[in-house]
Protein backbone atom coordinates (compact mmCIF):
# COMPACT_ATOMS: atom_id res chain seq x y z
CA UNK A 1 -13.34 -63.62 -38.25
CA UNK A 2 -14.41 -61.71 -35.28
CA UNK A 3 -13.40 -60.93 -31.75
CA UNK A 4 -16.16 -63.15 -30.61
CA UNK A 5 -14.70 -66.09 -32.57
CA UNK A 6 -11.31 -65.50 -31.02
CA UNK A 7 -12.94 -65.46 -27.51
CA UNK A 8 -14.67 -68.81 -28.36
CA UNK A 9 -11.41 -70.47 -29.48
CA UNK A 10 -9.60 -69.39 -26.44
CA UNK A 11 -12.44 -70.57 -24.16
CA UNK A 12 -12.12 -73.99 -25.86
CA UNK A 13 -8.50 -74.05 -25.00
CA UNK A 14 -9.24 -73.26 -21.40
CA UNK A 15 -11.53 -76.30 -21.23
CA UNK A 16 -8.56 -78.55 -22.26
CA UNK A 17 -6.90 -77.95 -18.90
CA UNK A 18 -7.42 -80.28 -15.81
CA UNK A 19 -9.83 -78.67 -13.50
CA UNK A 20 -7.61 -79.44 -10.45
CA UNK A 21 -4.74 -77.63 -12.11
CA UNK A 22 -3.22 -75.05 -9.81
CA UNK A 23 -3.95 -71.48 -10.60
CA UNK A 24 -0.45 -70.22 -10.39
CA UNK A 25 2.37 -70.57 -12.79
CA UNK A 26 1.49 -72.32 -16.01
CA UNK A 27 -2.24 -71.64 -15.47
CA UNK A 28 -1.87 -67.97 -15.28
CA UNK A 29 0.55 -67.81 -18.10
CA UNK A 30 -1.98 -69.72 -20.28
CA UNK A 31 -4.77 -67.28 -19.28
CA UNK A 32 -2.48 -64.41 -20.23
CA UNK A 33 -1.83 -66.10 -23.62
CA UNK A 34 -5.50 -66.64 -24.23
CA UNK A 35 -6.24 -62.94 -23.36
CA UNK A 36 -3.47 -61.68 -25.70
CA UNK A 37 -4.70 -63.97 -28.43
CA UNK A 38 -8.31 -62.65 -28.18
CA UNK A 39 -7.09 -59.06 -28.02
CA UNK A 40 -4.92 -59.52 -31.18
CA UNK A 41 -8.10 -58.76 -32.90
CA UNK A 42 -7.30 -55.23 -32.02
CA UNK A 43 -3.54 -55.38 -32.11
CA UNK A 44 -2.23 -58.06 -34.45
CA UNK A 45 1.30 -58.01 -32.93
CA UNK A 46 -0.29 -59.61 -29.74
CA UNK A 47 -0.62 -62.93 -31.59
CA UNK A 48 3.17 -63.64 -31.44
CA UNK A 49 3.36 -62.54 -27.79
CA UNK A 50 0.39 -64.80 -27.03
CA UNK A 51 2.27 -67.67 -28.50
CA UNK A 52 5.52 -66.94 -26.76
CA UNK A 53 3.61 -66.67 -23.33
CA UNK A 54 1.95 -70.15 -24.13
CA UNK A 55 5.26 -71.54 -24.77
CA UNK A 56 6.61 -70.09 -21.53
CA UNK A 57 3.64 -71.73 -19.75
CA UNK A 58 4.77 -75.10 -21.15
CA UNK A 59 8.23 -74.55 -19.64
CA UNK A 60 6.81 -73.56 -16.36
CA UNK A 61 4.71 -76.76 -16.42
CA UNK A 62 7.91 -78.81 -16.81
CA UNK A 63 9.33 -76.97 -13.82
CA UNK A 64 6.37 -77.88 -11.81
CA UNK A 65 6.83 -81.55 -12.88
CA UNK A 66 10.67 -81.39 -12.11
CA UNK A 67 11.11 -78.89 -9.20
CA UNK A 68 14.37 -80.40 -8.52
CA UNK A 69 15.63 -79.23 -11.93
CA UNK A 70 15.53 -75.34 -11.33
CA UNK A 71 18.64 -74.55 -13.47
CA UNK A 72 18.12 -77.37 -16.11
CA UNK A 73 17.61 -76.11 -19.64
CA UNK A 74 14.07 -76.27 -21.20
CA UNK A 75 15.09 -78.81 -23.75
CA UNK A 76 16.88 -81.11 -21.17
CA UNK A 77 13.58 -81.30 -19.25
CA UNK A 78 11.77 -82.35 -22.45
CA UNK A 79 14.38 -85.07 -23.01
CA UNK A 80 13.92 -86.09 -19.41
CA UNK A 81 10.05 -86.43 -19.86
CA UNK A 82 10.65 -88.53 -22.97
CA UNK A 83 13.11 -90.74 -21.29
CA UNK A 84 10.64 -91.33 -18.38
CA UNK A 85 7.80 -91.87 -20.93
CA UNK A 86 5.80 -88.99 -19.56
CA UNK A 87 5.78 -87.72 -23.20
CA UNK A 88 5.56 -90.12 -26.24
CA UNK A 89 8.11 -89.54 -28.89
CA UNK A 90 5.78 -87.72 -31.15
CA UNK A 91 4.59 -85.39 -28.41
CA UNK A 92 8.19 -84.89 -27.24
CA UNK A 93 9.06 -83.77 -30.79
CA UNK A 94 6.18 -81.30 -30.68
CA UNK A 95 7.31 -79.95 -27.24
CA UNK A 96 10.94 -79.72 -28.64
CA UNK A 97 9.76 -77.61 -31.61
CA UNK A 98 7.94 -75.47 -29.14
CA UNK A 99 11.15 -74.92 -27.12
CA UNK A 100 12.88 -73.93 -30.50
CA UNK A 101 10.02 -71.53 -31.26
CA UNK A 102 10.19 -70.07 -27.65
CA UNK A 103 13.87 -69.51 -28.07
CA UNK A 104 13.26 -67.75 -31.49
CA UNK A 105 10.53 -65.53 -30.17
CA UNK A 106 12.55 -64.66 -27.10
CA UNK A 107 15.67 -63.67 -29.05
CA UNK A 108 14.27 -62.20 -32.28
CA UNK A 109 16.41 -60.86 -34.98
CA UNK A 110 13.41 -58.91 -36.30
CA UNK A 111 9.67 -58.59 -35.54
CA UNK A 112 7.98 -61.91 -35.89
CA UNK A 113 4.37 -62.29 -37.22
CA UNK A 114 2.03 -65.20 -37.12
CA UNK A 115 -1.33 -65.67 -38.96
CA UNK A 116 -4.37 -66.94 -37.16
CA UNK A 117 -3.87 -70.23 -38.97
CA UNK A 118 -0.40 -70.53 -37.34
CA UNK A 119 -1.04 -69.14 -33.83
CA UNK A 120 -4.40 -70.99 -33.16
CA UNK A 121 -3.02 -74.55 -33.52
CA UNK A 122 0.23 -73.56 -31.61
CA UNK A 123 -1.84 -72.32 -28.76
CA UNK A 124 -4.13 -75.30 -28.72
CA UNK A 125 -1.28 -77.60 -28.68
CA UNK A 126 0.54 -75.68 -25.88
CA UNK A 127 -2.60 -75.98 -23.82
CA UNK A 128 -2.75 -79.82 -24.56
CA UNK A 129 0.97 -80.15 -23.65
CA UNK A 130 0.44 -78.09 -20.34
CA UNK A 131 -2.45 -80.25 -19.49
CA UNK A 132 -0.47 -83.52 -20.15
CA UNK A 133 2.54 -82.34 -18.08
CA UNK A 134 0.49 -80.99 -15.17
CA UNK A 135 -1.56 -84.30 -15.04
CA UNK A 136 1.68 -86.27 -14.83
CA UNK A 137 2.83 -83.92 -12.06
CA UNK A 138 -0.46 -84.35 -10.20
CA UNK A 139 -0.21 -88.15 -10.53
CA UNK A 140 3.25 -88.04 -9.25
CA UNK A 141 2.15 -86.01 -6.27
CA UNK A 142 -0.79 -88.51 -5.61
CA UNK A 143 1.71 -91.36 -5.47
CA UNK A 144 4.02 -89.54 -3.11
CA UNK A 145 1.00 -88.73 -0.88
CA UNK A 146 -0.13 -92.38 -0.88
CA UNK A 147 3.49 -93.56 -0.11
CA UNK A 148 3.66 -91.06 2.91
CA UNK A 149 0.30 -92.17 4.21
CA UNK A 150 1.22 -95.78 4.05
CA UNK A 151 4.57 -95.18 5.74
CA UNK A 152 2.87 -93.23 8.53
CA UNK A 153 0.36 -96.15 9.34
CA UNK A 154 3.27 -98.59 9.69
């Protein structure tokens, strides 16, 4: 394992994100998570913080998808996405496990530690989930824009 390998892994995760994804919010959090992950080569404790930040990006993506649900708990947003078929059951289960981990990392009883074998798949899956959620949000916005354009021409 080397710093260069960690950089390559993080770069592969960045490529999972939609190119049209906004640069604020979830995208910035994921960029920070990738940076923390690569720099965990120098400070191993960054690995947990990288995963926490990735999970926070997932929550931020749900808040982009559901801007009307500002005070709604994270897990309720996951249930809503499952109910609306934005997330299939198996992916919603993965997101729910991520919410549980986010809570554990945010309110630790002691210092958490993750191995590379634990953190890398967690961050890859977080990137995949954020991409899925942000794509759903973009599609929703496209439908709304088309409806507004259609209404304006009537």
